[in-house]
Structure formats: C-alpha cells, structure tokens
Amino acid sequence: MGCNCGAARKVVVHESHRPDGTVKRYLTEVEARRDVAAHGGEYEQVTQTAR
C-alpha cells in the first residue's frame, strides 16, 4: 500500500483578535466576523499546514 506521508494539507483558520488580547479561532469566516462585531477587535485569516 502506498504512503501519503509527503502530502501536506493546508487548513484555513479564521481568527478574532479581541482588544483585551484574547485570540479566538474559528473554522468559518462568518463565526469569526460575528465575534469581531460583538466584541470588537480585528479579523484575520490564517493558513496552516496540517501534518
């Protein structure tokens, strides 16, 4: 059986950076933007490589 060890997958994580320094991570952009709207702060999209 073949090994798929070398293939890295990319995962997109959406983060909400609150004014108090808290960082919340979400799997959808909508959830992150709702959190920013409710608590203030900034939205950021982060791409990570899954191992």
N, C-alpha and C. Protein backbone atom coordinates (compact mmCIF):
# COMPACT_ATOMS: atom_id res chain seq x y z
N MET A 1 0.84 -1.18 0.00
CA MET A 1 0.00 0.00 0.00
C MET A 1 0.89 1.24 0.00
N GLY A 2 0.52 2.24 -0.74
CA GLY A 2 1.30 3.46 -0.84
C GLY A 2 1.15 4.35 0.37
N CYS A 3 2.16 5.12 0.63
CA CYS A 3 2.16 6.05 1.75
C CYS A 3 1.89 7.46 1.24
N ASN A 4 1.08 8.19 1.95
CA ASN A 4 0.78 9.57 1.60
C ASN A 4 1.46 10.53 2.58
N CYS A 5 2.62 10.14 3.05
CA CYS A 5 3.31 10.89 4.10
C CYS A 5 3.79 12.27 3.65
N GLY A 6 4.15 12.42 2.40
CA GLY A 6 4.73 13.67 1.95
C GLY A 6 3.72 14.75 1.60
N ALA A 7 2.46 14.40 1.50
CA ALA A 7 1.45 15.37 1.09
C ALA A 7 0.95 16.15 2.30
N ALA A 8 1.26 17.44 2.36
CA ALA A 8 0.79 18.28 3.45
C ALA A 8 -0.51 18.94 3.02
N ARG A 9 -1.45 19.00 3.93
CA ARG A 9 -2.74 19.65 3.66
C ARG A 9 -2.74 21.04 4.27
N LYS A 10 -3.38 21.96 3.60
CA LYS A 10 -3.50 23.32 4.13
C LYS A 10 -4.87 23.49 4.77
N VAL A 11 -4.86 24.09 5.93
CA VAL A 11 -6.08 24.32 6.69
C VAL A 11 -6.22 25.82 6.89
N VAL A 12 -7.38 26.35 6.59
CA VAL A 12 -7.63 27.78 6.78
C VAL A 12 -8.34 27.97 8.12
N VAL A 13 -7.75 28.80 8.96
CA VAL A 13 -8.32 29.11 10.27
C VAL A 13 -8.63 30.60 10.28
N HIS A 14 -9.77 30.95 10.83
CA HIS A 14 -10.20 32.34 10.92
C HIS A 14 -10.07 32.77 12.37
N GLU A 15 -9.38 33.87 12.61
CA GLU A 15 -9.12 34.31 13.97
C GLU A 15 -9.77 35.66 14.25
N SER A 16 -10.22 35.79 15.49
CA SER A 16 -10.74 37.04 16.01
C SER A 16 -9.78 37.51 17.09
N HIS A 17 -9.16 38.66 16.87
CA HIS A 17 -8.23 39.24 17.85
C HIS A 17 -8.98 40.31 18.62
N ARG A 18 -9.32 40.01 19.87
CA ARG A 18 -10.08 40.94 20.69
C ARG A 18 -9.18 42.02 21.29
N PRO A 19 -9.77 43.16 21.67
CA PRO A 19 -8.98 44.26 22.23
C PRO A 19 -8.25 43.91 23.52
N ASP A 20 -8.75 42.92 24.28
CA ASP A 20 -8.09 42.55 25.54
C ASP A 20 -6.93 41.58 25.34
N GLY A 21 -6.62 41.25 24.07
CA GLY A 21 -5.50 40.38 23.77
C GLY A 21 -5.88 38.93 23.54
N THR A 22 -7.14 38.59 23.74
CA THR A 22 -7.61 37.23 23.52
C THR A 22 -7.70 36.93 22.03
N VAL A 23 -7.28 35.75 21.63
CA VAL A 23 -7.39 35.31 20.24
C VAL A 23 -8.31 34.09 20.21
N LYS A 24 -9.38 34.19 19.46
CA LYS A 24 -10.32 33.08 19.29
C LYS A 24 -10.18 32.55 17.87
N ARG A 25 -10.17 31.24 17.70
CA ARG A 25 -10.05 30.64 16.38
C ARG A 25 -11.36 29.96 15.99
N TYR A 26 -11.72 30.12 14.71
CA TYR A 26 -12.95 29.55 14.19
C TYR A 26 -12.67 28.86 12.85
N LEU A 27 -13.52 27.93 12.49
CA LEU A 27 -13.37 27.23 11.22
C LEU A 27 -14.08 27.94 10.08
N THR A 28 -14.98 28.89 10.40
CA THR A 28 -15.66 29.64 9.35
C THR A 28 -15.44 31.14 9.54
N GLU A 29 -15.41 31.83 8.42
CA GLU A 29 -15.23 33.28 8.45
C GLU A 29 -16.41 33.97 9.11
N VAL A 30 -17.60 33.45 8.90
CA VAL A 30 -18.81 34.07 9.45
C VAL A 30 -18.75 34.10 10.97
N GLU A 31 -18.34 33.00 11.59
CA GLU A 31 -18.25 32.95 13.06
C GLU A 31 -17.23 33.96 13.58
N ALA A 32 -16.09 34.03 12.92
CA ALA A 32 -15.04 34.96 13.36
C ALA A 32 -15.50 36.41 13.22
N ARG A 33 -16.14 36.72 12.12
CA ARG A 33 -16.61 38.10 11.91
C ARG A 33 -17.73 38.46 12.89
N ARG A 34 -18.57 37.50 13.25
CA ARG A 34 -19.61 37.75 14.27
C ARG A 34 -18.97 38.08 15.61
N ASP A 35 -17.91 37.35 15.95
CA ASP A 35 -17.21 37.59 17.20
C ASP A 35 -16.59 38.99 17.21
N VAL A 36 -16.01 39.39 16.10
CA VAL A 36 -15.42 40.74 15.99
C VAL A 36 -16.51 41.80 16.13
N ALA A 37 -17.65 41.56 15.52
CA ALA A 37 -18.75 42.52 15.60
C ALA A 37 -19.27 42.63 17.03
N ALA A 38 -19.31 41.52 17.74
CA ALA A 38 -19.85 41.52 19.10
C ALA A 38 -18.86 42.05 20.13
N HIS A 39 -17.57 41.78 19.95
CA HIS A 39 -16.58 42.11 20.98
C HIS A 39 -15.55 43.14 20.55
N GLY A 40 -15.57 43.54 19.30
CA GLY A 40 -14.57 44.48 18.81
C GLY A 40 -13.30 43.74 18.44
N GLY A 41 -12.33 44.46 17.95
CA GLY A 41 -11.06 43.83 17.60
C GLY A 41 -10.89 43.73 16.10
N GLU A 42 -10.10 42.74 15.68
CA GLU A 42 -9.78 42.58 14.27
C GLU A 42 -9.96 41.14 13.83
N TYR A 43 -10.22 40.97 12.54
CA TYR A 43 -10.36 39.66 11.92
C TYR A 43 -9.10 39.35 11.13
N GLU A 44 -8.68 38.08 11.15
CA GLU A 44 -7.52 37.65 10.37
C GLU A 44 -7.74 36.22 9.88
N GLN A 45 -7.37 35.98 8.63
CA GLN A 45 -7.43 34.65 8.05
C GLN A 45 -6.02 34.07 8.06
N VAL A 46 -5.85 32.86 8.58
CA VAL A 46 -4.54 32.24 8.71
C VAL A 46 -4.57 30.89 7.99
N THR A 47 -3.56 30.63 7.20
CA THR A 47 -3.43 29.33 6.54
C THR A 47 -2.34 28.55 7.25
N GLN A 48 -2.70 27.34 7.69
CA GLN A 48 -1.74 26.49 8.39
C GLN A 48 -1.54 25.21 7.60
N THR A 49 -0.38 24.61 7.74
CA THR A 49 -0.10 23.34 7.12
C THR A 49 -0.33 22.23 8.12
N ALA A 50 -1.24 21.32 7.82
CA ALA A 50 -1.53 20.19 8.70
C ALA A 50 -0.54 19.08 8.41
N ARG A 51 -0.12 18.42 9.43
CA ARG A 51 0.84 17.33 9.26
C ARG A 51 0.17 15.99 9.28
